Amino acid sequence: MPQNYKGVLVASVQAASPAEKVGLRGLAQNDSGISHLGDIIIAIDGLLLRQIDDIINYIELHKNVGDTVKLTVNRNGKIIELTATLQARPTPPSQLTTSPPTLGLGPMPEIPQIPGLSQH
């Protein structure tokens, strides 16, 4: 298995989100830095991914709340398949528009250089 995987590194997962429900794992950090690399999503419904925008655009263009997506995930060098059911994005009550579906990945923090991981 190559060391420079293409895909989207899961930095964090929002509580009660579809990502959490299927068991996606984010980065684990301790006082000395990263102690566990998160999952790397390499494909969604067979579409290869290079960046987080690929996931967002695919879901917004092709999926609705309640639809499922098949995620191909690299977890510590092992490829696994997960199926997530999309849910509505949480929106403030003041917004009247329908919110697009979401997977529930958290924001991407600044990540220090990780030995053996290409960040391109």
C-alpha atoms as a PDB file:
ATOM      1  CA  MET A   1       0.000   0.000   0.000  1.00  0.00           C
ATOM      2  CA  PRO A   2       1.494   3.396  -0.932  1.00  0.00           C
ATOM      3  CA  GLN A   3       2.310   5.897   1.804  1.00  0.00           C
ATOM      4  CA  ASN A   4       0.980   9.005   0.003  1.00  0.00           C
ATOM      5  CA  TYR A   5      -2.747   8.318  -0.142  1.00  0.00           C
ATOM      6  CA  LYS A   6      -5.027  10.595  -2.102  1.00  0.00           C
ATOM      7  CA  GLY A   7      -8.258  11.539  -0.396  1.00  0.00           C
ATOM      8  CA  VAL A   8      -9.709  13.584   2.415  1.00  0.00           C
ATOM      9  CA  LEU A   9      -8.223  13.276   5.887  1.00  0.00           C
ATOM     10  CA  VAL A  10     -10.929  13.250   8.555  1.00  0.00           C
ATOM     11  CA  ALA A  11      -9.740  15.763  11.126  1.00  0.00           C
ATOM     12  CA  SER A  12     -12.825  15.708  13.327  1.00  0.00           C
ATOM     13  CA  VAL A  13     -16.364  14.367  13.343  1.00  0.00           C
ATOM     14  CA  GLN A  14     -19.412  16.272  14.573  1.00  0.00           C
ATOM     15  CA  ALA A  15     -21.430  14.659  17.378  1.00  0.00           C
ATOM     16  CA  ALA A  16     -24.625  12.846  16.300  1.00  0.00           C
ATOM     17  CA  SER A  17     -23.700  13.298  12.618  1.00  0.00           C
ATOM     18  CA  PRO A  18     -23.883  10.643   9.883  1.00  0.00           C
ATOM     19  CA  ALA A  19     -20.073  10.477  10.008  1.00  0.00           C
ATOM     20  CA  GLU A  20     -20.149   9.663  13.730  1.00  0.00           C
ATOM     21  CA  LYS A  21     -22.974   7.139  13.289  1.00  0.00           C
ATOM     22  CA  VAL A  22     -20.957   5.089  10.766  1.00  0.00           C
ATOM     23  CA  GLY A  23     -17.829   5.270  12.906  1.00  0.00           C
ATOM     24  CA  LEU A  24     -15.559   7.622  10.948  1.00  0.00           C
ATOM     25  CA  ARG A  25     -12.513   8.489  13.039  1.00  0.00           C
ATOM     26  CA  GLY A  26     -10.812  11.872  13.216  1.00  0.00           C
ATOM     27  CA  LEU A  27      -7.349  12.857  14.355  1.00  0.00           C
ATOM     28  CA  ALA A  28      -6.509  12.138  17.969  1.00  0.00           C
ATOM     29  CA  GLN A  29      -4.173  14.589  19.630  1.00  0.00           C
ATOM     30  CA  ASN A  30      -2.333  14.651  22.905  1.00  0.00           C
ATOM     31  CA  ASP A  31       0.004  17.203  24.504  1.00  0.00           C
ATOM     32  CA  SER A  32       2.907  16.187  22.275  1.00  0.00           C
ATOM     33  CA  GLY A  33       0.970  16.313  18.991  1.00  0.00           C
ATOM     34  CA  ILE A  34      -0.989  13.858  16.886  1.00  0.00           C
ATOM     35  CA  SER A  35      -1.249  10.424  18.471  1.00  0.00           C
ATOM     36  CA  HIS A  36      -3.560   8.854  15.880  1.00  0.00           C
ATOM     37  CA  LEU A  37      -4.083   9.731  12.234  1.00  0.00           C
ATOM     38  CA  GLY A  38      -7.747  10.009  11.237  1.00  0.00           C
ATOM     39  CA  ASP A  39      -9.494   8.040   8.527  1.00  0.00           C
ATOM     40  CA  ILE A  40      -8.825   9.037   4.931  1.00  0.00           C
ATOM     41  CA  ILE A  41     -11.931   9.061   2.727  1.00  0.00           C
ATOM     42  CA  ILE A  42     -10.672   8.048  -0.705  1.00  0.00           C
ATOM     43  CA  ALA A  43     -14.008   7.769  -2.564  1.00  0.00           C
ATOM     44  CA  ILE A  44     -17.704   8.565  -2.233  1.00  0.00           C
ATOM     45  CA  ASP A  45     -20.064   6.344  -4.246  1.00  0.00           C
ATOM     46  CA  GLY A  46     -17.014   5.255  -6.262  1.00  0.00           C
ATOM     47  CA  LEU A  47     -15.934   8.832  -7.111  1.00  0.00           C
ATOM     48  CA  LEU A  48     -12.271   9.279  -6.187  1.00  0.00           C
ATOM     49  CA  LEU A  49     -11.588  12.259  -3.922  1.00  0.00           C
ATOM     50  CA  ARG A  50      -8.725  14.722  -3.720  1.00  0.00           C
ATOM     51  CA  GLN A  51     -10.117  17.416  -1.403  1.00  0.00           C
ATOM     52  CA  ILE A  52     -13.042  18.159   0.926  1.00  0.00           C
ATOM     53  CA  ASP A  53     -14.748  20.253  -1.779  1.00  0.00           C
ATOM     54  CA  ASP A  54     -15.152  17.060  -3.838  1.00  0.00           C
ATOM     55  CA  ILE A  55     -17.348  15.591  -1.079  1.00  0.00           C
ATOM     56  CA  ILE A  56     -19.332  18.794  -0.541  1.00  0.00           C
ATOM     57  CA  ASN A  57     -19.958  19.356  -4.265  1.00  0.00           C
ATOM     58  CA  TYR A  58     -20.941  15.730  -4.893  1.00  0.00           C
ATOM     59  CA  ILE A  59     -23.446  15.696  -2.030  1.00  0.00           C
ATOM     60  CA  GLU A  60     -24.954  19.075  -2.935  1.00  0.00           C
ATOM     61  CA  LEU A  61     -25.317  18.192  -6.638  1.00  0.00           C
ATOM     62  CA  HIS A  62     -26.405  14.559  -6.448  1.00  0.00           C
ATOM     63  CA  LYS A  63     -27.889  13.778  -3.043  1.00  0.00           C
ATOM     64  CA  ASN A  64     -30.760  14.768  -0.783  1.00  0.00           C
ATOM     65  CA  VAL A  65     -31.407  14.487   2.930  1.00  0.00           C
ATOM     66  CA  GLY A  66     -32.140  10.815   3.666  1.00  0.00           C
ATOM     67  CA  ASP A  67     -30.068   9.463   0.760  1.00  0.00           C
ATOM     68  CA  THR A  68     -27.172   7.138   1.468  1.00  0.00           C
ATOM     69  CA  VAL A  69     -23.560   7.423   0.339  1.00  0.00           C
ATOM     70  CA  LYS A  70     -20.952   4.688   0.206  1.00  0.00           C
ATOM     71  CA  LEU A  71     -17.616   5.849   1.589  1.00  0.00           C
ATOM     72  CA  THR A  72     -14.391   4.061   0.724  1.00  0.00           C
ATOM     73  CA  VAL A  73     -12.072   4.714   3.654  1.00  0.00           C
ATOM     74  CA  ASN A  74      -8.420   4.035   4.349  1.00  0.00           C
ATOM     75  CA  ARG A  75      -8.100   3.305   8.048  1.00  0.00           C
ATOM     76  CA  ASN A  76      -4.493   2.723   9.050  1.00  0.00           C
ATOM     77  CA  GLY A  77      -3.679   1.143   5.676  1.00  0.00           C
ATOM     78  CA  LYS A  78      -6.789  -1.045   5.514  1.00  0.00           C
ATOM     79  CA  ILE A  79      -9.516  -0.187   2.978  1.00  0.00           C
ATOM     80  CA  ILE A  80     -13.052  -0.409   4.381  1.00  0.00           C
ATOM     81  CA  GLU A  81     -16.504   0.511   3.049  1.00  0.00           C
ATOM     82  CA  LEU A  82     -19.002   2.479   5.143  1.00  0.00           C
ATOM     83  CA  THR A  83     -22.556   3.512   4.232  1.00  0.00           C
ATOM     84  CA  ALA A  84     -23.869   6.759   5.707  1.00  0.00           C
ATOM     85  CA  THR A  85     -27.358   8.236   5.564  1.00  0.00           C
ATOM     86  CA  LEU A  86     -27.273  11.989   4.968  1.00  0.00           C
ATOM     87  CA  GLN A  87     -29.121  14.319   7.296  1.00  0.00           C
ATOM     88  CA  ALA A  88     -30.026  18.018   7.157  1.00  0.00           C
ATOM     89  CA  ARG A  89     -27.386  20.480   8.241  1.00  0.00           C
ATOM     90  CA  PRO A  90     -28.232  22.141  11.526  1.00  0.00           C
ATOM     91  CA  THR A  91     -29.442  25.658  10.795  1.00  0.00           C
ATOM     92  CA  PRO A  92     -30.443  28.513  13.059  1.00  0.00           C
ATOM     93  CA  PRO A  93     -34.241  28.899  13.398  1.00  0.00           C
ATOM     94  CA  SER A  94     -33.986  32.341  11.796  1.00  0.00           C
ATOM     95  CA  GLN A  95     -33.113  30.805   8.417  1.00  0.00           C
ATOM     96  CA  LEU A  96     -36.131  29.830   6.355  1.00  0.00           C
ATOM     97  CA  THR A  97     -34.343  28.103   3.494  1.00  0.00           C
ATOM     98  CA  THR A  98     -34.003  24.353   3.262  1.00  0.00           C
ATOM     99  CA  SER A  99     -30.557  23.268   4.341  1.00  0.00           C
ATOM    100  CA  PRO A 100     -28.480  21.006   2.081  1.00  0.00           C
ATOM    101  CA  PRO A 101     -27.573  17.494   3.222  1.00  0.00           C
ATOM    102  CA  THR A 102     -24.406  16.920   5.224  1.00  0.00           C
ATOM    103  CA  LEU A 103     -22.098  14.099   6.222  1.00  0.00           C
ATOM    104  CA  GLY A 104     -21.004  15.896   9.399  1.00  0.00           C
ATOM    105  CA  LEU A 105     -17.269  16.183   9.055  1.00  0.00           C
ATOM    106  CA  GLY A 106     -15.826  18.771  11.394  1.00  0.00           C
ATOM    107  CA  PRO A 107     -13.613  21.700  10.410  1.00  0.00           C
ATOM    108  CA  MET A 108     -10.053  21.008   9.333  1.00  0.00           C
ATOM    109  CA  PRO A 109      -7.576  22.325  11.921  1.00  0.00           C
ATOM    110  CA  GLU A 110      -4.001  23.322  11.194  1.00  0.00           C
ATOM    111  CA  ILE A 111      -2.141  20.039  11.076  1.00  0.00           C
ATOM    112  CA  PRO A 112       1.562  19.748  11.866  1.00  0.00           C
ATOM    113  CA  GLN A 113       3.835  17.864   9.493  1.00  0.00           C
ATOM    114  CA  ILE A 114       3.129  14.149   9.886  1.00  0.00           C
ATOM    115  CA  PRO A 115       6.061  11.856   9.051  1.00  0.00           C
ATOM    116  CA  GLY A 116       5.226   9.626   6.087  1.00  0.00           C
ATOM    117  CA  LEU A 117       2.102  11.580   5.073  1.00  0.00           C
ATOM    118  CA  SER A 118       2.172  13.638   1.902  1.00  0.00           C
ATOM    119  CA  GLN A 119       0.217  16.863   2.459  1.00  0.00           C
ATOM    120  CA  HIS A 120      -0.210  17.728  -1.242  1.00  0.00           C
END
